[in-house]
Protein backbone atom coordinates (compact mmCIF):
# COMPACT_ATOMS: atom_id res chain seq x y z
CA MET A 1 157.63 123.11 81.96
CA TYR A 2 157.41 125.36 78.96
CA GLN A 3 159.94 128.19 78.92
CA ASP A 4 158.15 130.41 76.42
CA LYS A 5 154.61 131.37 75.64
CA VAL A 6 152.50 128.85 73.75
CA VAL A 7 150.02 130.20 71.21
CA LEU A 8 146.57 128.65 71.43
CA CYS A 9 144.93 130.53 68.57
CA GLY A 10 144.69 133.87 66.86
CA ALA A 11 142.92 135.93 64.24
CA SER A 12 143.82 138.80 61.95
CA ALA A 13 141.51 141.47 60.59
CA TYR A 14 144.07 142.17 57.86
CA GLU A 15 144.36 138.69 56.36
CA LYS A 16 140.83 137.63 57.40
CA LEU A 17 142.49 134.60 58.95
CA PHE A 18 141.94 132.37 61.99
CA TYR A 19 144.75 130.15 63.29
CA LEU A 20 144.51 127.27 65.77
CA ASN A 21 147.78 125.76 66.96
CA PRO A 22 147.85 122.12 65.71
CA ASP A 23 148.94 121.04 69.21
CA PHE A 24 145.34 121.74 70.25
CA ASP A 25 143.61 119.72 67.51
CA ASN A 26 142.33 117.30 70.15
CA LEU A 27 140.08 119.98 71.68
CA PRO A 28 136.37 119.27 71.17
CA GLN A 29 134.95 120.82 68.00
CA ASP A 30 132.57 123.08 69.94
CA VAL A 31 135.53 124.52 71.89
CA LYS A 32 137.42 125.17 68.63
CA ASP A 33 134.31 126.82 67.19
CA GLN A 34 133.90 129.01 70.28
CA LEU A 35 137.56 130.08 70.05
CA LYS A 36 137.13 130.95 66.39
CA ILE A 37 134.01 133.00 67.07
CA LEU A 38 135.69 134.81 69.98
CA CYS A 39 138.82 135.72 67.99
CA VAL A 40 137.17 136.59 64.69
CA CYS A 41 134.45 138.71 66.31
CA PHE A 42 137.11 140.55 68.31
CA THR A 43 139.19 141.43 65.24
CA GLU A 44 136.12 142.39 63.21
CA LYS A 45 135.02 144.73 65.99
CA VAL A 46 138.30 146.49 66.88
CA GLY A 47 140.65 145.51 64.04
CA GLY A 48 144.24 144.38 64.29
CA ARG A 49 145.40 140.95 65.36
CA LEU A 50 144.49 138.93 68.45
CA MET A 51 146.45 136.03 69.87
CA LEU A 52 145.46 133.88 72.83
CA GLN A 53 148.58 132.43 74.39
CA TYR A 54 149.61 130.62 77.53
CA ASP A 55 152.44 131.91 79.70
CA GLU A 56 154.93 129.51 81.30
CA GLU A 57 152.59 128.98 84.28
CA GLY A 58 149.58 128.13 82.10
CA ASN A 59 147.72 131.43 82.38
CA LEU A 60 145.84 132.41 79.24
CA GLU A 61 146.78 135.86 77.97
CA PHE A 62 145.33 138.10 75.27
CA SER A 63 147.89 139.70 72.98
CA VAL A 64 146.75 142.42 70.58
CA SER A 65 148.74 144.09 67.83
CA ALA A 66 148.06 146.30 64.84
CA ASN A 67 149.86 147.58 61.79
CA GLU A 68 151.50 150.92 62.44
CA ALA A 69 149.62 152.57 59.57
CA ASP A 70 146.22 151.25 60.70
CA ALA A 71 144.29 154.39 61.64
CA MET A 72 141.11 152.34 62.11
CA PHE A 73 142.53 150.20 64.94
CA ASP A 74 140.84 151.02 68.24
CA GLU A 75 143.40 150.52 71.02
CA ILE A 76 141.11 151.66 73.81
CA GLY A 77 138.24 149.64 72.38
CA SER A 78 140.46 146.55 72.25
CA ALA A 79 141.31 146.82 75.95
CA LEU A 80 137.62 147.29 76.82
CA GLU A 81 136.63 144.35 74.62
CA ILE A 82 139.21 142.10 76.30
CA LYS A 83 137.83 143.02 79.74
CA LYS A 84 134.32 142.29 78.50
CA ILE A 85 135.35 138.89 77.09
CA GLN A 86 137.22 138.01 80.29
CA ALA A 87 134.12 138.78 82.33
CA GLU A 88 131.55 137.14 80.06
CA GLU A 89 133.63 134.07 79.15
CA ARG A 90 135.33 133.57 82.51
CA ASP A 91 134.33 129.93 82.95
CA PHE A 92 135.35 129.07 79.39
CA LEU A 93 138.74 130.79 79.73
CA GLU A 94 139.38 129.15 83.12
CA SER A 95 138.60 125.73 81.66
CA LEU A 96 141.10 126.37 78.85
CA GLU A 97 143.73 127.24 81.46
CA LEU A 98 142.96 124.08 83.44
CA TYR A 99 143.17 121.99 80.26
CA PHE A 100 146.61 123.39 79.45
CA LYS A 101 147.90 122.98 83.01
CA VAL A 102 146.80 119.34 83.17
CA PHE A 103 147.55 118.08 79.65
CA PHE A 104 150.57 120.20 78.71
CA LEU A 105 152.23 121.08 82.01
CA GLY A 106 151.30 117.83 83.76
CA LEU A 107 149.94 119.51 86.87
CA ASP A 108 147.52 117.70 89.17
CA PRO A 109 144.20 119.62 89.26
CA GLU A 110 143.59 118.40 92.82
CA GLU A 111 146.90 119.73 94.10
CA PRO A 112 146.84 123.36 95.33
CA GLU A 113 149.09 125.82 93.54
CA ASP A 114 151.74 127.78 95.45
CA GLY A 115 150.12 130.07 97.97
CA GLU A 116 146.76 128.29 97.89
CA THR A 117 145.37 126.14 100.65
CA LYS A 118 143.30 123.09 99.94
CA LEU A 119 139.98 122.96 101.75
């Protein structure tokens, strides 16, 4: 298993830059495009930097940061935008988690996780 967080992708309002981890080049192009749209629209709306990263268990996390001198960064707006994305893109985000768990962590999607019962 991975010991640290693994970055999937990110965007910066400062550098006008989108980054996709080369380890995920095998994702379908439409998934890469959707990630780019999600990240770039987020940073254009609230500013700062956004990173989507997996924790050691394969959960996808949103990490937001901003330059200290950035008076235009909307911290409250960023938290609200993340909640909105998580609600609207739930299926997409869950499929990205499943992809990582199967192809990177080697977990069996049919096997229940700790604490879950299989029906």
